[in-house]
Protein backbone atom coordinates (compact mmCIF):
# COMPACT_ATOMS: atom_id res chain seq x y z
CA MET A 1 17.01 -3.37 -7.58
CA GLU A 2 18.58 -1.74 -4.55
CA ARG A 3 17.18 -2.93 -1.25
CA ARG A 4 18.33 -1.91 2.21
CA LEU A 5 17.03 -1.94 5.73
CA GLY A 6 15.46 1.24 7.08
CA ARG A 7 17.40 3.35 9.56
CA GLY A 8 17.95 1.40 12.76
CA LEU A 9 16.20 -1.73 11.53
CA GLY A 10 19.33 -3.66 10.60
CA THR A 11 20.51 -3.59 14.18
CA LEU A 12 17.37 -5.38 15.30
CA LEU A 13 18.45 -8.48 13.37
CA SER A 14 22.22 -8.27 13.39
CA ALA A 15 23.57 -6.47 16.48
CA PRO A 16 23.77 -8.44 19.75
CA PRO A 17 21.27 -7.30 22.36
CA ALA A 18 22.34 -5.65 25.57
CA PRO A 19 22.94 -8.11 28.43
CA VAL A 20 19.68 -8.91 30.18
CA GLU A 21 18.44 -11.44 32.67
CA ALA A 22 17.18 -14.82 31.51
CA ALA A 23 13.45 -15.10 30.89
CA LYS A 24 11.43 -16.55 33.74
CA SER A 25 8.18 -18.36 33.06
CA ALA A 26 6.64 -16.75 36.12
CA ASN A 27 7.07 -13.28 34.67
CA PRO A 28 6.09 -12.91 30.99
CA THR A 29 7.47 -9.37 30.75
CA THR A 30 11.02 -10.24 31.79
CA ALA A 31 13.47 -9.74 28.91
CA ALA A 32 15.33 -12.80 27.63
CA GLU A 33 19.03 -13.34 27.22
CA PRO A 34 20.47 -14.15 23.74
CA ASN A 35 19.01 -17.38 22.34
CA ALA A 36 16.89 -18.01 25.43
CA GLU A 37 14.11 -20.57 24.97
CA ILE A 38 10.74 -18.81 25.09
CA GLU A 39 7.44 -20.64 25.39
CA LEU A 40 5.53 -20.51 22.10
CA ALA A 41 2.27 -19.97 23.95
CA ARG A 42 3.56 -16.65 25.29
CA ILE A 43 4.34 -15.28 21.82
CA ARG A 44 1.86 -13.38 19.65
CA PRO A 45 2.37 -12.65 15.93
CA ASN A 46 3.44 -9.20 14.78
CA PRO A 47 0.18 -7.16 14.72
CA PHE A 48 1.68 -5.11 11.88
CA GLN A 49 2.62 -8.12 9.75
CA PRO A 50 1.64 -7.29 6.14
CA ARG A 51 1.68 -10.96 5.09
CA LYS A 52 -1.79 -12.45 5.50
CA THR A 53 -1.19 -15.83 3.88
CA PHE A 54 1.65 -18.30 4.36
CA ALA A 55 2.27 -20.89 1.62
CA ALA A 56 1.62 -24.40 2.92
CA GLY A 57 4.48 -25.78 0.83
CA GLU A 58 7.04 -23.36 2.27
CA LEU A 59 5.86 -24.01 5.83
CA GLY A 60 6.00 -27.77 5.20
CA GLU A 61 9.62 -27.54 4.04
CA LEU A 62 10.49 -25.39 7.04
CA GLN A 63 8.82 -27.89 9.39
CA SER A 64 10.93 -30.71 7.93
CA SER A 65 14.09 -28.67 8.39
CA ILE A 66 13.22 -27.76 11.98
CA GLN A 67 12.32 -31.35 12.78
CA GLN A 68 15.71 -32.51 11.53
CA HIS A 69 18.00 -29.67 12.61
CA GLY A 70 15.99 -27.56 15.05
CA VAL A 71 15.50 -23.78 14.82
CA LEU A 72 18.93 -22.57 13.68
CA GLN A 73 18.16 -18.84 13.76
CA PRO A 74 16.33 -17.43 16.79
CA VAL A 75 13.21 -15.38 16.32
CA VAL A 76 13.30 -11.72 17.40
CA LEU A 77 10.72 -10.53 19.93
CA ARG A 78 9.69 -7.47 21.87
CA SER A 79 8.20 -7.75 25.35
CA THR A 80 4.64 -6.64 26.09
CA PRO A 81 2.56 -6.63 29.29
CA GLU A 82 0.92 -9.86 28.06
CA GLY A 83 4.10 -11.64 26.99
CA TYR A 84 5.95 -11.19 23.70
CA GLU A 85 5.27 -10.05 20.13
CA LEU A 86 7.20 -11.26 17.11
CA ILE A 87 9.39 -8.74 15.37
CA ALA A 88 10.84 -11.25 12.89
CA GLY A 89 10.53 -14.99 12.35
CA GLU A 90 6.79 -15.64 12.08
CA ARG A 91 7.25 -18.60 9.71
CA ARG A 92 9.67 -20.25 12.15
CA TRP A 93 7.16 -19.65 14.96
CA ARG A 94 4.25 -21.09 12.94
CA ALA A 95 6.26 -24.12 11.81
CA SER A 96 7.35 -24.80 15.40
CA GLN A 97 3.74 -24.59 16.56
CA ALA A 98 2.66 -27.04 13.86
CA LEU A 99 5.33 -29.50 15.07
CA GLY A 100 3.99 -29.28 18.62
CA ARG A 101 7.17 -27.74 20.04
CA LYS A 102 6.79 -25.98 23.38
CA THR A 103 9.61 -23.43 23.11
CA ILE A 104 11.66 -21.60 20.48
CA PRO A 105 15.07 -19.88 20.67
CA ALA A 106 14.64 -16.13 20.76
CA VAL A 107 16.22 -12.79 21.53
CA VAL A 108 14.19 -9.94 22.99
CA ARG A 109 14.60 -6.31 21.95
CA GLU A 110 13.40 -3.42 24.05
CA ASP A 111 12.00 -0.05 22.97
CA VAL A 112 10.93 -1.22 19.49
CA THR A 113 8.26 1.14 18.14
CA ASP A 114 5.14 0.11 16.23
CA GLN A 115 6.54 1.84 13.13
CA ALA A 116 9.77 -0.15 13.40
CA MET A 117 7.73 -3.36 13.75
CA LEU A 118 5.90 -2.65 10.50
CA GLU A 119 9.02 -1.51 8.64
CA LEU A 120 10.96 -4.58 9.69
CA ALA A 121 8.13 -6.95 8.78
CA LEU A 122 8.01 -5.36 5.32
CA VAL A 123 11.76 -5.49 4.83
CA GLU A 124 12.06 -9.07 6.08
CA ASN A 125 9.40 -10.27 3.62
CA LEU A 126 10.80 -8.23 0.74
CA GLN A 127 14.25 -9.68 1.26
CA ARG A 128 13.45 -13.27 2.25
CA SER A 129 10.01 -14.33 1.03
CA ASP A 130 8.20 -11.88 -1.24
CA LEU A 131 4.77 -10.58 -0.28
CA ASP A 132 2.09 -10.54 -2.95
CA PRO A 133 1.53 -7.08 -4.50
CA LEU A 134 -1.57 -6.29 -2.44
CA GLU A 135 0.15 -7.22 0.82
CA LYS A 136 2.99 -4.85 -0.08
CA ALA A 137 0.52 -2.11 -0.99
CA ARG A 138 -1.34 -2.45 2.32
CA GLY A 139 1.94 -2.47 4.24
CA PHE A 140 3.07 0.73 2.51
CA GLN A 141 -0.32 2.30 3.25
CA GLN A 142 0.08 1.43 6.94
CA LEU A 143 3.38 3.34 6.97
CA LEU A 144 1.71 6.32 5.28
CA ASP A 145 -1.06 6.19 7.89
CA GLN A 146 1.64 6.53 10.56
CA GLY A 147 2.68 9.86 9.06
CA LEU A 148 5.47 8.92 6.63
CA THR A 149 5.59 10.35 3.11
CA GLN A 150 5.90 8.15 0.02
CA GLU A 151 9.52 9.27 -0.26
CA GLU A 152 10.23 8.21 3.33
CA VAL A 153 8.46 4.87 2.87
CA ALA A 154 10.52 4.20 -0.26
CA ARG A 155 13.75 5.03 1.58
CA GLN A 156 12.87 2.81 4.54
CA VAL A 157 12.16 -0.28 2.41
CA GLY A 158 14.88 0.38 -0.18
CA LEU A 159 12.66 0.96 -3.23
CA GLN A 160 12.12 3.81 -5.67
CA ARG A 161 9.30 6.21 -4.77
CA SER A 162 7.61 5.49 -8.12
CA THR A 163 7.62 1.77 -7.27
CA VAL A 164 5.91 2.43 -3.95
CA ALA A 165 3.37 4.70 -5.71
CA ASN A 166 2.59 1.95 -8.25
CA PHE A 167 1.91 -0.54 -5.46
CA LEU A 168 -0.32 1.95 -3.62
CA ARG A 169 -2.42 2.51 -6.74
CA LEU A 170 -3.48 -1.15 -6.61
CA LEU A 171 -5.63 -0.26 -3.60
CA GLU A 172 -7.85 1.73 -6.01
CA LEU A 173 -8.89 -1.49 -7.78
CA SER A 174 -12.21 -3.22 -7.13
CA ASP A 175 -12.34 -5.91 -4.46
CA ALA A 176 -12.73 -8.63 -7.10
CA VAL A 177 -9.62 -7.51 -8.99
CA GLN A 178 -7.61 -7.25 -5.76
CA LYS A 179 -8.65 -10.79 -4.90
CA ALA A 180 -7.53 -12.00 -8.33
CA VAL A 181 -4.11 -10.44 -7.75
CA THR A 182 -3.80 -12.02 -4.29
CA GLN A 183 -4.75 -15.43 -5.67
CA GLY A 184 -2.21 -15.11 -8.48
CA LEU A 185 -4.88 -15.24 -11.20
CA ILE A 186 -3.55 -12.03 -12.75
CA THR A 187 -0.19 -10.27 -12.47
CA MET A 188 0.58 -6.80 -11.20
CA GLY A 189 1.01 -5.79 -14.85
CA HIS A 190 -2.58 -6.84 -15.58
CA ALA A 191 -3.77 -4.98 -12.48
CA ARG A 192 -1.97 -1.78 -13.45
CA ALA A 193 -3.57 -1.93 -16.89
CA LEU A 194 -7.03 -2.33 -15.32
CA LEU A 195 -6.45 0.87 -13.34
CA GLY A 196 -7.11 2.69 -16.60
CA LEU A 197 -10.81 1.91 -16.09
CA THR A 198 -12.49 4.13 -13.50
CA ASP A 199 -15.69 2.07 -13.62
CA ARG A 200 -15.15 -0.84 -11.22
CA ARG A 201 -17.84 -2.89 -12.91
CA ARG A 202 -15.82 -2.73 -16.13
CA GLN A 203 -12.68 -3.60 -14.14
CA ASP A 204 -14.42 -6.75 -12.86
CA GLU A 205 -15.67 -7.73 -16.33
CA LEU A 206 -12.30 -7.31 -18.03
CA CYS A 207 -10.53 -9.05 -15.14
CA ALA A 208 -12.86 -12.05 -15.48
CA LEU A 209 -12.25 -12.11 -19.24
CA THR A 210 -8.49 -11.92 -18.65
CA VAL A 211 -8.57 -14.94 -16.34
CA ARG A 212 -10.93 -16.90 -18.57
CA ARG A 213 -8.99 -16.33 -21.80
CA GLY A 214 -5.50 -15.94 -20.36
CA LEU A 215 -5.04 -12.48 -21.90
CA SER A 216 -1.56 -10.99 -21.87
CA VAL A 217 -0.83 -7.63 -20.28
CA ARG A 218 -0.54 -6.05 -23.71
CA GLU A 219 -3.95 -7.44 -24.73
CA VAL A 220 -5.52 -6.06 -21.55
CA GLU A 221 -3.94 -2.64 -22.20
CA GLN A 222 -5.40 -2.65 -25.72
CA ARG A 223 -8.89 -3.52 -24.45
CA VAL A 224 -8.65 -0.80 -21.80
CA ARG A 225 -7.79 1.77 -24.51
CA GLU A 226 -10.79 0.61 -26.56
CA LEU A 227 -13.12 0.91 -23.55
CA GLN A 228 -11.72 4.34 -22.71
CA GLY A 229 -12.43 5.46 -26.28
CA ARG A 230 -16.01 4.22 -26.08
CA GLU A 231 -16.56 5.96 -22.74
CA LYS A 232 -15.25 9.22 -24.19
CA GLU A 233 -17.55 8.92 -27.21
CA GLN A 234 -20.54 8.20 -24.99
CA LYS A 235 -19.81 11.21 -22.79
CA THR A 236 -19.54 13.44 -25.87
CA THR A 237 -22.76 12.02 -27.30
CA LEU A 238 -24.77 12.09 -24.09
CA THR A 239 -23.72 15.55 -22.89
CA PRO A 240 -26.33 18.03 -24.21
CA PRO A 241 -25.17 21.43 -25.48
CA PRO A 242 -25.57 24.31 -23.00
CA PRO A 243 -28.79 26.36 -23.27
CA PRO A 244 -28.72 29.72 -25.08
CA TRP A 245 -28.69 31.76 -21.83
CA VAL A 246 -25.52 29.94 -20.69
CA ARG A 247 -23.79 30.63 -24.00
CA ASP A 248 -24.76 34.31 -23.81
CA MET A 249 -23.47 34.55 -20.22
CA GLU A 250 -20.17 32.92 -21.20
CA ALA A 251 -19.78 35.27 -24.18
CA ARG A 252 -20.35 38.42 -22.07
CA MET A 253 -17.92 37.33 -19.35
CA ARG A 254 -15.37 36.28 -21.97
CA LEU A 255 -15.60 39.72 -23.58
CA HIS A 256 -15.33 41.50 -20.23
CA LEU A 257 -12.49 39.41 -18.82
CA GLY A 258 -10.59 38.81 -22.02
CA THR A 259 -10.21 35.07 -21.44
CA LYS A 260 -12.11 31.81 -21.83
CA VAL A 261 -15.00 31.35 -19.37
CA LEU A 262 -17.12 28.23 -18.84
CA VAL A 263 -20.43 28.14 -16.97
CA ARG A 264 -21.30 24.66 -15.77
CA ASN A 265 -24.87 24.80 -14.60
CA GLY A 266 -26.47 21.86 -12.85
CA GLU A 267 -29.86 20.97 -11.49
CA GLY A 268 -31.39 23.67 -9.32
CA TYR A 269 -29.02 26.29 -10.75
CA GLN A 270 -26.05 24.87 -8.90
CA GLY A 271 -22.68 24.64 -10.61
CA GLU A 272 -19.45 26.49 -11.18
CA ILE A 273 -17.85 29.18 -13.30
CA VAL A 274 -14.40 28.35 -14.65
CA VAL A 275 -12.14 31.26 -15.64
CA GLU A 276 -8.90 30.45 -17.44
CA TYR A 277 -5.67 32.37 -16.92
CA HIS A 278 -2.17 32.00 -18.33
CA GLY A 279 0.68 33.17 -16.16
CA ARG A 280 1.03 35.32 -13.04
CA GLU A 281 0.38 38.61 -14.84
CA ASP A 282 -2.84 37.27 -16.31
CA LEU A 283 -3.94 36.04 -12.88
CA ASP A 284 -3.25 39.45 -11.31
CA ARG A 285 -5.17 41.16 -14.13
CA LEU A 286 -8.23 38.94 -13.61
CA TYR A 287 -7.99 39.34 -9.86
CA ALA A 288 -8.12 43.13 -10.23
CA LEU A 289 -11.17 42.84 -12.50
CA LEU A 290 -13.05 40.38 -10.34
CA ALA A 291 -12.15 41.85 -6.94
CA PRO A 292 -11.17 45.50 -7.37
CA LYS A 293 -9.82 47.38 -4.37
CA LYS A 294 -12.34 49.68 -2.73
CA LEU A 295 -11.75 53.34 -3.23
CA VAL A 296 -10.92 55.12 0.02
């Protein structure tokens, strides 16, 4: 699968920063020179970080490596009025904190936008330590909330648009199913199959059964089809036929308009009239019948 950094993001990690003065502890907003040691206490995590959980095992291994060899790759920061925010390297920062270190090697980048912070956090996790499906979905949604289209999000993180759309659909699942995905109790394939159920209560029930019995994705898909069939039968059975006056009204309008007409009447005589048309000419014909021009 093709993966690439979004426009301008690669330079944040690879290109050397412009020469700047060394960081001074007295002034938390002063930019740091390459690989300057920055106090951990003055660094805040990326507020746009899509990853919400960090595996204890991975952090433990990283701590052992840092204890033995130090932090080999500096973290990347941006300056803020309060100090610094992480652009990349949150696991190194967390592991260093856990070891009781006071400083960490870092480079500081200026003029990094919030959107770039989110994009880079997504890309870094996609390429180095995969996010769980829900973390990816929420990260993509954050980019959409900033005004990007699905196509633009896909291009920025180096994925197909359909892949991004599939992740975003997971946000339609019930809270219980989303939690099961995050905890690794079911796979994204299971979750996508459960999306076939619009009733979240049924999603929860089938999800619980999947976890309890260890159902495969194919078995879940089959059960979803069965439930969909039952729901369709129930709707057909429970929906009463329209009253005679509705049928008469539909017949008269169908005869007058020359096309299929449905009257959907609800409680308190509130509803809608649906008029079918087939093609532009048919639409223009119906438009002329329903809204004729006034004679001058």
